[in-house]
Amino acid sequence: MSDIRFDGRVAIVTGAGGGLGRCHALELARRGAKVVINDLGPSMDGSGGSSAAAEAVVKEIEALGGEAMANGSSVADAAGVKKMIDDTMAKFGRIDILIANAGILRDKSFSKMTQADIDLVIDVHLRGSFMPIHAAWDIMKAQNYGRIVVTTSSTGLYGNFGQANYGAAKLGLVGMMNTLKIEGAKNDIKINAVCPVAATAMTEGLMPPAVLEQLKPEYVSPGVMNLVKEDAPTGVILSAAAGAFSIARIVETEGAFVGQGDELTAEAVAAKWDQITDTSKTLPAFKAGGEHSQHMFAVVAGGVKA
């Protein structure tokens, strides 16, 4: 098997001043990429910061013999995102890889969550991924090449107490990915999601030290390299933790036709509930929303014929 290399490629990694982003950036640099290190600062609640953390990672990459530049823009600020993209193009002339990793937490039970808690988390995670990707999109289209990774979470896929804001943003990223995998296909733009479990500043207070020791952020990056390589997949959710990897998918049961007109009542749905929810008959994951519609019409057609 040949080595995975990124020679001649230019990568932007947001939130790369520490944790997962730093590890992704260092691994890209080791494999030949020129890397833009974006980081606003160390504050987990998004309350300001500087590019000092980004500068430190640049020095690490330069010590490895690589090439990098720092950027202190907030990914939630339109002017900051524009500066990040403009500075990258001015220095390197292209953008091949974008890993949207920046994140914050504002954990609270839902009843105690404020509008500010909701807005800020969605701004950084969802808009803060959407805006850099949108700003780089036409550049990648013109190149007929692009590799993008968004960072989702098990909270978005499955839920977690006290993280309604975070979960909403993280699952929103999967929805965006599912559309962009379709829109980017003709221009060789591939987009995937990583669902990491790692010991970072965002998780250090949530798990015991013995568990955190196994959840090194650098154990996630080898999987991410496979999401941005030349022959990367597209539309994949890669779960990663402690050196283990799996694929998460949204699947659908075979379902049942209940009826139409006067036959279709709440009680009629209840009568077929076991068949509707029978998970022993799940279908392959759909590649687009149209396939879901086709399935539903096929269930209707089969039921009408019966």
Protein backbone atom coordinates (compact mmCIF):
# COMPACT_ATOMS: atom_id res chain seq x y z
CA MET A 1 0.00 0.00 0.00
CA SER A 2 1.42 3.39 -1.03
CA ASP A 3 1.99 6.18 1.47
CA ILE A 4 -0.70 8.83 1.82
CA ARG A 5 0.94 12.11 0.80
CA PHE A 6 -0.20 15.71 0.36
CA ASP A 7 2.78 17.19 -1.45
CA GLY A 8 1.77 20.38 -3.28
CA ARG A 9 -1.56 20.54 -1.44
CA VAL A 10 -2.68 23.47 0.70
CA ALA A 11 -4.80 22.78 3.77
CA ILE A 12 -6.73 25.01 6.17
CA VAL A 13 -7.47 23.59 9.61
CA THR A 14 -9.73 25.65 11.85
CA GLY A 15 -9.36 25.43 15.60
CA ALA A 16 -5.84 24.13 15.05
CA GLY A 17 -4.11 25.83 17.97
CA GLY A 18 -4.53 22.72 20.13
CA GLY A 19 -6.29 19.40 20.53
CA LEU A 20 -7.64 17.63 17.46
CA GLY A 21 -7.01 20.50 15.06
CA ARG A 22 -3.34 20.74 16.01
CA CYS A 23 -2.90 16.99 15.50
CA HIS A 24 -4.62 17.11 12.10
CA ALA A 25 -2.43 20.05 11.05
CA LEU A 26 0.81 18.40 12.16
CA GLU A 27 -0.06 15.17 10.39
CA LEU A 28 -0.89 17.00 7.17
CA ALA A 29 2.42 18.87 7.39
CA ARG A 30 4.38 15.66 8.01
CA ARG A 31 2.84 14.31 4.84
CA GLY A 32 3.84 17.28 2.72
CA ALA A 33 0.95 19.75 2.88
CA LYS A 34 1.29 23.48 3.39
CA VAL A 35 -1.01 24.27 6.29
CA VAL A 36 -2.94 27.32 7.46
CA ILE A 37 -3.36 27.17 11.23
CA ASN A 38 -6.54 28.96 12.23
CA ASP A 39 -7.24 29.52 15.90
CA LEU A 40 -8.95 32.31 17.79
CA GLY A 41 -7.52 31.36 21.16
CA PRO A 42 -7.84 28.94 24.06
CA SER A 43 -11.19 30.03 25.51
CA MET A 44 -13.73 27.18 25.46
CA ASP A 45 -16.71 29.55 25.75
CA GLY A 46 -15.65 31.62 22.72
CA SER A 47 -14.94 34.77 24.73
CA GLY A 48 -12.06 36.22 22.78
CA GLY A 49 -8.48 35.11 22.32
CA SER A 50 -5.54 35.64 20.00
CA SER A 51 -3.56 33.79 17.38
CA ALA A 52 -0.71 32.95 19.81
CA ALA A 53 -1.77 29.29 19.86
CA ALA A 54 -1.79 29.22 16.05
CA GLU A 55 1.69 30.78 15.94
CA ALA A 56 2.98 28.06 18.26
CA VAL A 57 1.73 25.30 15.95
CA VAL A 58 3.30 27.06 12.96
CA LYS A 59 6.64 26.91 14.77
CA GLU A 60 6.14 23.19 15.41
CA ILE A 61 5.54 22.61 11.70
CA GLU A 62 8.53 24.72 10.68
CA ALA A 63 10.68 22.70 13.08
CA LEU A 64 9.60 19.60 11.14
CA GLY A 65 10.75 21.27 7.93
CA GLY A 66 7.23 22.09 6.80
CA GLU A 67 5.53 25.29 5.71
CA ALA A 68 2.63 26.92 7.54
CA MET A 69 1.01 30.23 8.36
CA ALA A 70 -1.09 31.36 11.31
CA ASN A 71 -4.52 32.95 11.20
CA GLY A 72 -6.38 34.32 14.20
CA SER A 73 -9.78 34.88 12.60
CA SER A 74 -13.03 33.84 14.20
CA VAL A 75 -14.80 31.32 11.99
CA ALA A 76 -18.08 32.87 13.14
CA ASP A 77 -17.16 36.28 11.69
CA ALA A 78 -17.70 36.90 7.96
CA ALA A 79 -14.87 39.43 7.68
CA GLY A 80 -12.52 37.11 9.57
CA VAL A 81 -13.36 34.18 7.30
CA LYS A 82 -12.79 36.31 4.22
CA LYS A 83 -9.39 37.37 5.56
CA MET A 84 -8.46 33.74 6.23
CA ILE A 85 -9.34 32.70 2.67
CA ASP A 86 -7.76 35.81 1.08
CA ASP A 87 -4.52 35.42 3.06
CA THR A 88 -4.31 31.75 2.13
CA MET A 89 -4.74 32.49 -1.57
CA ALA A 90 -2.25 35.36 -1.42
CA LYS A 91 0.43 33.15 0.13
CA PHE A 92 -0.23 29.74 -1.40
CA GLY A 93 -2.48 30.36 -4.44
CA ARG A 94 -4.89 27.49 -3.85
CA ILE A 95 -6.97 25.65 -1.23
CA ASP A 96 -7.15 21.88 -1.55
CA ILE A 97 -8.18 20.74 1.91
CA LEU A 98 -10.39 22.33 4.54
CA ILE A 99 -10.87 20.69 7.93
CA ALA A 100 -13.55 22.53 9.93
CA ASN A 101 -12.64 21.67 13.49
CA ALA A 102 -13.15 24.84 15.56
CA GLY A 103 -15.54 24.42 18.47
CA ILE A 104 -16.72 25.62 21.85
CA LEU A 105 -19.05 24.35 24.57
CA ARG A 106 -21.84 26.04 26.49
CA ASP A 107 -23.29 23.00 28.29
CA LYS A 108 -26.46 23.47 30.33
CA SER A 109 -29.68 21.58 30.82
CA PHE A 110 -32.26 22.76 28.30
CA SER A 111 -34.39 24.65 30.81
CA LYS A 112 -31.35 26.67 31.92
CA MET A 113 -29.97 27.28 28.44
CA THR A 114 -30.10 30.91 27.30
CA GLN A 115 -30.55 32.27 23.80
CA ALA A 116 -26.91 33.39 23.93
CA ASP A 117 -25.83 29.81 24.73
CA ILE A 118 -27.73 28.57 21.68
CA ASP A 119 -26.64 31.32 19.31
CA LEU A 120 -22.94 31.17 20.15
CA VAL A 121 -22.60 27.41 19.83
CA ILE A 122 -24.49 27.34 16.53
CA ASP A 123 -22.43 30.29 15.28
CA VAL A 124 -19.10 28.59 15.96
CA HIS A 125 -19.93 24.99 15.02
CA LEU A 126 -22.50 25.29 12.24
CA ARG A 127 -22.04 28.77 10.75
CA GLY A 128 -18.33 28.52 11.59
CA SER A 129 -18.09 25.50 9.30
CA PHE A 130 -20.56 26.73 6.69
CA MET A 131 -18.82 30.08 6.13
CA PRO A 132 -15.24 28.84 5.51
CA ILE A 133 -16.54 26.04 3.30
CA HIS A 134 -18.72 28.50 1.38
CA ALA A 135 -15.80 30.92 1.00
CA ALA A 136 -13.53 28.16 -0.36
CA TRP A 137 -16.18 26.40 -2.45
CA ASP A 138 -15.80 28.31 -5.72
CA ILE A 139 -12.01 28.12 -5.43
CA MET A 140 -12.26 24.34 -5.19
CA LYS A 141 -14.75 24.25 -8.08
CA ALA A 142 -12.37 26.25 -10.28
CA GLN A 143 -9.55 23.83 -9.39
CA ASN A 144 -11.83 20.82 -9.93
CA TYR A 145 -10.48 19.52 -6.64
CA GLY A 146 -11.36 19.81 -2.98
CA ARG A 147 -11.39 17.73 0.18
CA ILE A 148 -13.48 18.88 3.14
CA VAL A 149 -14.02 17.44 6.61
CA VAL A 150 -16.59 18.69 9.11
CA THR A 151 -16.47 17.65 12.75
CA THR A 152 -19.67 16.15 14.04
CA SER A 153 -20.28 14.49 17.41
CA SER A 154 -22.04 11.57 19.04
CA THR A 155 -24.16 14.25 20.73
CA GLY A 156 -25.51 15.23 17.32
CA LEU A 157 -25.93 11.64 16.16
CA TYR A 158 -27.32 10.15 19.36
CA GLY A 159 -27.82 12.85 22.02
CA ASN A 160 -26.21 13.78 25.33
CA PHE A 161 -27.60 15.46 28.45
CA GLY A 162 -26.99 19.20 28.65
CA GLN A 163 -25.92 19.65 25.04
CA ALA A 164 -29.05 20.49 23.04
CA ASN A 165 -27.30 23.48 21.43
CA TYR A 166 -24.17 21.51 20.61
CA GLY A 167 -26.11 18.50 19.32
CA ALA A 168 -28.29 20.63 17.05
CA ALA A 169 -25.23 22.26 15.50
CA LYS A 170 -23.37 18.99 15.11
CA LEU A 171 -26.19 17.16 13.37
CA GLY A 172 -26.73 20.22 11.19
CA LEU A 173 -23.23 19.64 9.84
CA VAL A 174 -24.23 16.16 8.70
CA GLY A 175 -27.18 17.65 6.82
CA MET A 176 -24.87 20.12 5.11
CA MET A 177 -22.43 17.35 4.22
CA ASN A 178 -25.17 15.23 2.69
CA THR A 179 -26.06 17.99 0.24
CA LEU A 180 -22.51 19.14 -0.54
CA LYS A 181 -21.42 15.58 -1.40
CA ILE A 182 -23.97 15.77 -4.23
CA GLU A 183 -23.22 19.33 -5.36
CA GLY A 184 -19.45 18.83 -5.27
CA ALA A 185 -19.29 15.53 -7.16
CA LYS A 186 -18.87 16.94 -10.67
CA ASN A 187 -15.90 19.05 -9.55
CA ASP A 188 -14.15 16.31 -7.56
CA ILE A 189 -15.00 17.98 -4.26
CA LYS A 190 -15.44 15.36 -1.58
CA ILE A 191 -16.79 16.06 1.89
CA ASN A 192 -16.89 13.80 4.92
CA ALA A 193 -17.50 14.05 8.65
CA VAL A 194 -15.42 12.84 11.57
CA CYS A 195 -17.12 11.92 14.85
CA PRO A 196 -14.24 11.90 17.34
CA VAL A 197 -13.92 10.95 20.98
CA ALA A 198 -10.71 12.49 22.24
CA ALA A 199 -9.05 13.98 25.30
CA THR A 200 -8.96 17.70 24.57
CA ALA A 201 -9.58 20.91 26.47
CA MET A 202 -13.27 20.45 25.64
CA THR A 203 -13.47 16.98 27.21
CA GLU A 204 -10.88 16.88 29.97
CA GLY A 205 -13.43 17.43 32.75
CA LEU A 206 -15.88 14.86 31.43
CA MET A 207 -13.91 11.60 31.76
CA PRO A 208 -11.54 9.95 34.26
CA PRO A 209 -7.76 10.27 33.63
CA ALA A 210 -7.32 6.58 32.80
CA VAL A 211 -9.87 6.87 29.99
CA LEU A 212 -8.50 10.17 28.73
CA GLU A 213 -5.03 8.61 28.45
CA GLN A 214 -6.37 6.23 25.79
CA LEU A 215 -8.25 8.97 23.96
CA LYS A 216 -5.28 10.86 22.60
CA PRO A 217 -6.31 13.35 19.89
CA GLU A 218 -3.47 12.16 17.68
CA TYR A 219 -5.25 8.79 17.51
CA VAL A 220 -8.04 10.44 15.48
CA SER A 221 -5.88 12.11 12.82
CA PRO A 222 -4.90 8.94 10.86
CA GLY A 223 -8.59 8.43 10.11
CA VAL A 224 -9.02 12.06 9.07
CA MET A 225 -6.11 11.71 6.63
CA ASN A 226 -8.14 9.03 4.87
CA LEU A 227 -11.06 11.45 4.53
CA VAL A 228 -8.95 14.07 2.70
CA LYS A 229 -6.63 11.93 0.59
CA GLU A 230 -6.70 11.76 -3.20
CA ASP A 231 -9.01 8.73 -3.33
CA ALA A 232 -11.11 9.73 -0.33
CA PRO A 233 -14.72 8.61 0.01
CA THR A 234 -17.49 11.19 0.15
CA GLY A 235 -20.50 11.53 2.42
CA VAL A 236 -19.02 9.28 5.11
CA ILE A 237 -19.33 9.76 8.88
CA LEU A 238 -16.17 8.26 10.40
CA SER A 239 -16.30 7.60 14.14
CA ALA A 240 -12.87 7.58 15.78
CA ALA A 241 -11.68 6.91 19.33
CA ALA A 242 -8.54 5.44 20.92
CA GLY A 243 -7.35 3.90 17.65
CA ALA A 244 -10.72 2.35 16.77
CA PHE A 245 -12.78 3.45 13.78
CA SER A 246 -16.29 2.76 12.49
CA ILE A 247 -18.82 4.22 10.08
CA ALA A 248 -22.05 5.79 11.35
CA ARG A 249 -25.07 5.83 9.04
CA ILE A 250 -28.64 7.02 8.97
CA VAL A 251 -30.76 4.02 8.03
CA GLU A 252 -34.45 3.39 7.49
CA THR A 253 -36.71 0.44 8.17
CA GLU A 254 -38.53 -1.28 5.35
CA GLY A 255 -41.75 0.19 6.71
CA ALA A 256 -45.35 -0.56 5.82
CA PHE A 257 -48.20 0.84 3.76
CA VAL A 258 -51.09 1.72 6.08
CA GLY A 259 -53.69 3.08 3.70
CA GLN A 260 -55.12 6.26 2.17
CA GLY A 261 -58.32 8.23 2.45
CA ASP A 262 -60.71 7.08 5.14
CA GLU A 263 -58.56 4.02 5.83
CA LEU A 264 -55.64 6.16 7.02
CA THR A 265 -56.24 6.92 10.69
CA ALA A 266 -54.01 7.25 13.74
CA GLU A 267 -55.39 3.91 14.92
CA ALA A 268 -54.48 2.27 11.62
CA VAL A 269 -50.89 3.50 11.99
CA ALA A 270 -50.84 2.15 15.56
CA ALA A 271 -52.08 -1.23 14.32
CA LYS A 272 -49.06 -1.52 12.00
CA TRP A 273 -46.57 0.09 14.37
CA ASP A 274 -44.59 -3.14 14.92
CA GLN A 275 -44.11 -3.56 11.19
CA ILE A 276 -43.22 0.11 10.68
CA THR A 277 -40.56 -0.05 13.40
CA ASP A 278 -39.17 -3.51 12.60
CA THR A 279 -35.41 -2.87 12.66
CA SER A 280 -34.64 -6.42 11.49
CA LYS A 281 -35.54 -5.12 8.02
CA THR A 282 -33.36 -2.05 7.53
CA LEU A 283 -32.40 -0.79 4.10
CA PRO A 284 -29.00 0.25 2.76
CA ALA A 285 -28.20 3.89 3.54
CA PHE A 286 -29.70 6.28 0.99
CA LYS A 287 -27.29 8.39 -1.05
CA ALA A 288 -29.72 11.28 -1.54
CA GLY A 289 -33.15 12.50 -0.47
CA GLY A 290 -34.63 11.37 -3.77
CA GLU A 291 -33.85 7.75 -2.90
CA HIS A 292 -35.87 8.16 0.28
CA SER A 293 -38.85 9.41 -1.73
CA GLN A 294 -38.50 6.53 -4.18
CA HIS A 295 -38.55 4.08 -1.28
CA MET A 296 -41.69 5.57 0.20
CA PHE A 297 -43.50 5.45 -3.14
CA ALA A 298 -42.38 1.83 -3.59
CA VAL A 299 -43.88 0.96 -0.19
CA VAL A 300 -47.12 2.66 -1.25
CA ALA A 301 -47.16 0.87 -4.60
CA GLY A 302 -46.57 -2.49 -2.93
CA GLY A 303 -49.33 -1.86 -0.41
CA VAL A 304 -51.86 -0.77 -3.01
CA LYS A 305 -51.19 -3.88 -5.12
CA ALA A 306 -51.64 -6.10 -2.10
